Amino acid sequence: MSKLDKVLAEYHKYLMRRGLAKESHVPYLVRWVRQFLQFAKDKTGHKFESVIEMFRQHLEQNPKTTDWRIRQAIDAVIIYTRQSGVGRCG
């Protein structure tokens, strides 16, 4: 299991243990966090808040990504940051 997979498995457990999302929604939140972490990996040195905004802008470029999905993605990332204690990329 890769480091990323371990991090995401912990996030999944955190969401379930805290009851932060319906069980059927958890895989989507995990997927958003995976996408964010992959997006953020080359953003070292940037403030975390800036990277979240860059990610939002990246999602908005895809016309198939609806507003509610963008909100879901950003909410998933914010929950992840609270769970993991992440404050900066890199």
C-alpha atoms as a PDB file:
ATOM      1  CA  MET A   1       0.000   0.000   0.000  1.00  0.00           C
ATOM      2  CA  SER A   2       1.437   3.395  -0.992  1.00  0.00           C
ATOM      3  CA  LYS A   3       1.797   6.298   1.429  1.00  0.00           C
ATOM      4  CA  LEU A   4      -1.039   8.088  -0.368  1.00  0.00           C
ATOM      5  CA  ASP A   5      -3.300   5.051  -0.031  1.00  0.00           C
ATOM      6  CA  LYS A   6      -2.530   4.876   3.702  1.00  0.00           C
ATOM      7  CA  VAL A   7      -3.325   8.572   4.152  1.00  0.00           C
ATOM      8  CA  LEU A   8      -6.593   8.178   2.280  1.00  0.00           C
ATOM      9  CA  ALA A   9      -7.525   5.065   4.263  1.00  0.00           C
ATOM     10  CA  GLU A  10      -7.025   7.053   7.485  1.00  0.00           C
ATOM     11  CA  TYR A  11      -9.159   9.875   6.096  1.00  0.00           C
ATOM     12  CA  HIS A  12     -11.876   7.352   5.199  1.00  0.00           C
ATOM     13  CA  LYS A  13     -11.806   5.951   8.740  1.00  0.00           C
ATOM     14  CA  TYR A  14     -11.911   9.473  10.200  1.00  0.00           C
ATOM     15  CA  LEU A  15     -14.995  10.405   8.177  1.00  0.00           C
ATOM     16  CA  MET A  16     -16.783   7.223   9.204  1.00  0.00           C
ATOM     17  CA  ARG A  17     -15.758   7.359  12.872  1.00  0.00           C
ATOM     18  CA  ARG A  18     -16.862  10.986  13.229  1.00  0.00           C
ATOM     19  CA  GLY A  19     -20.015  10.552  11.157  1.00  0.00           C
ATOM     20  CA  LEU A  20     -19.017  13.495   8.963  1.00  0.00           C
ATOM     21  CA  ALA A  21     -20.615  12.091   5.821  1.00  0.00           C
ATOM     22  CA  LYS A  22     -23.075   9.454   4.773  1.00  0.00           C
ATOM     23  CA  GLU A  23     -21.334   6.166   4.104  1.00  0.00           C
ATOM     24  CA  SER A  24     -22.365   6.370   0.453  1.00  0.00           C
ATOM     25  CA  HIS A  25     -20.695   9.807   0.105  1.00  0.00           C
ATOM     26  CA  VAL A  26     -17.372   8.910   1.726  1.00  0.00           C
ATOM     27  CA  PRO A  27     -15.773   7.434  -1.445  1.00  0.00           C
ATOM     28  CA  TYR A  28     -16.446  10.712  -3.272  1.00  0.00           C
ATOM     29  CA  LEU A  29     -14.828  12.753  -0.522  1.00  0.00           C
ATOM     30  CA  VAL A  30     -11.816  10.460  -0.529  1.00  0.00           C
ATOM     31  CA  ARG A  31     -11.575  10.798  -4.313  1.00  0.00           C
ATOM     32  CA  TRP A  32     -11.604  14.615  -4.055  1.00  0.00           C
ATOM     33  CA  VAL A  33      -8.816  14.539  -1.490  1.00  0.00           C
ATOM     34  CA  ARG A  34      -6.796  12.190  -3.715  1.00  0.00           C
ATOM     35  CA  GLN A  35      -7.207  14.608  -6.614  1.00  0.00           C
ATOM     36  CA  PHE A  36      -6.246  17.547  -4.413  1.00  0.00           C
ATOM     37  CA  LEU A  37      -3.111  15.852  -3.072  1.00  0.00           C
ATOM     38  CA  GLN A  38      -2.027  14.916  -6.586  1.00  0.00           C
ATOM     39  CA  PHE A  39      -2.708  18.488  -7.745  1.00  0.00           C
ATOM     40  CA  ALA A  40      -0.842  19.989  -4.769  1.00  0.00           C
ATOM     41  CA  LYS A  41       2.296  17.858  -4.930  1.00  0.00           C
ATOM     42  CA  ASP A  42       4.122  20.333  -7.186  1.00  0.00           C
ATOM     43  CA  LYS A  43       2.905  23.401  -5.272  1.00  0.00           C
ATOM     44  CA  THR A  44       5.562  23.324  -2.548  1.00  0.00           C
ATOM     45  CA  GLY A  45       6.261  26.648  -0.907  1.00  0.00           C
ATOM     46  CA  HIS A  46       2.764  28.016  -1.493  1.00  0.00           C
ATOM     47  CA  LYS A  47       0.436  28.833   1.375  1.00  0.00           C
ATOM     48  CA  PHE A  48      -2.055  26.057   1.814  1.00  0.00           C
ATOM     49  CA  GLU A  49      -5.011  28.413   1.393  1.00  0.00           C
ATOM     50  CA  SER A  50      -3.579  29.513  -1.961  1.00  0.00           C
ATOM     51  CA  VAL A  51      -3.297  25.929  -3.130  1.00  0.00           C
ATOM     52  CA  ILE A  52      -6.917  25.284  -2.171  1.00  0.00           C
ATOM     53  CA  GLU A  53      -7.942  28.314  -4.238  1.00  0.00           C
ATOM     54  CA  MET A  54      -5.801  27.099  -7.176  1.00  0.00           C
ATOM     55  CA  PHE A  55      -7.514  23.715  -6.911  1.00  0.00           C
ATOM     56  CA  ARG A  56     -10.930  25.389  -6.932  1.00  0.00           C
ATOM     57  CA  GLN A  57      -9.971  27.319 -10.068  1.00  0.00           C
ATOM     58  CA  HIS A  58      -8.671  24.120 -11.638  1.00  0.00           C
ATOM     59  CA  LEU A  59     -12.002  22.392 -10.988  1.00  0.00           C
ATOM     60  CA  GLU A  60     -13.961  25.364 -12.345  1.00  0.00           C
ATOM     61  CA  GLN A  61     -12.170  25.038 -15.696  1.00  0.00           C
ATOM     62  CA  ASN A  62     -14.044  21.805 -16.372  1.00  0.00           C
ATOM     63  CA  PRO A  63     -17.584  22.715 -17.484  1.00  0.00           C
ATOM     64  CA  LYS A  64     -18.800  19.276 -16.362  1.00  0.00           C
ATOM     65  CA  THR A  65     -17.847  20.006 -12.746  1.00  0.00           C
ATOM     66  CA  THR A  66     -20.958  21.537 -11.218  1.00  0.00           C
ATOM     67  CA  ASP A  67     -20.927  24.103  -8.408  1.00  0.00           C
ATOM     68  CA  TRP A  68     -22.107  21.604  -5.821  1.00  0.00           C
ATOM     69  CA  ARG A  69     -19.284  19.213  -6.750  1.00  0.00           C
ATOM     70  CA  ILE A  70     -16.749  22.004  -6.388  1.00  0.00           C
ATOM     71  CA  ARG A  71     -18.168  22.813  -2.936  1.00  0.00           C
ATOM     72  CA  GLN A  72     -18.040  19.105  -2.053  1.00  0.00           C
ATOM     73  CA  ALA A  73     -14.411  18.917  -3.176  1.00  0.00           C
ATOM     74  CA  ILE A  74     -13.339  21.961  -1.180  1.00  0.00           C
ATOM     75  CA  ASP A  75     -15.255  20.772   1.886  1.00  0.00           C
ATOM     76  CA  ALA A  76     -13.547  17.379   1.609  1.00  0.00           C
ATOM     77  CA  VAL A  77     -10.135  19.071   1.488  1.00  0.00           C
ATOM     78  CA  ILE A  78     -10.939  21.301   4.465  1.00  0.00           C
ATOM     79  CA  ILE A  79     -12.045  18.281   6.510  1.00  0.00           C
ATOM     80  CA  TYR A  80      -8.831  16.514   5.454  1.00  0.00           C
ATOM     81  CA  THR A  81      -6.687  19.448   6.615  1.00  0.00           C
ATOM     82  CA  ARG A  82      -8.359  19.411  10.023  1.00  0.00           C
ATOM     83  CA  GLN A  83      -7.974  15.655  10.334  1.00  0.00           C
ATOM     84  CA  SER A  84      -4.351  15.566   9.211  1.00  0.00           C
ATOM     85  CA  GLY A  85      -3.074  18.828  10.644  1.00  0.00           C
ATOM     86  CA  VAL A  86      -1.714  19.857   7.232  1.00  0.00           C
ATOM     87  CA  GLY A  87      -1.070  23.580   6.952  1.00  0.00           C
ATOM     88  CA  ARG A  88       1.356  23.938   4.061  1.00  0.00           C
ATOM     89  CA  CYS A  89       2.155  22.030   0.919  1.00  0.00           C
ATOM     90  CA  GLY A  90       5.618  20.524   0.688  1.00  0.00           C
END
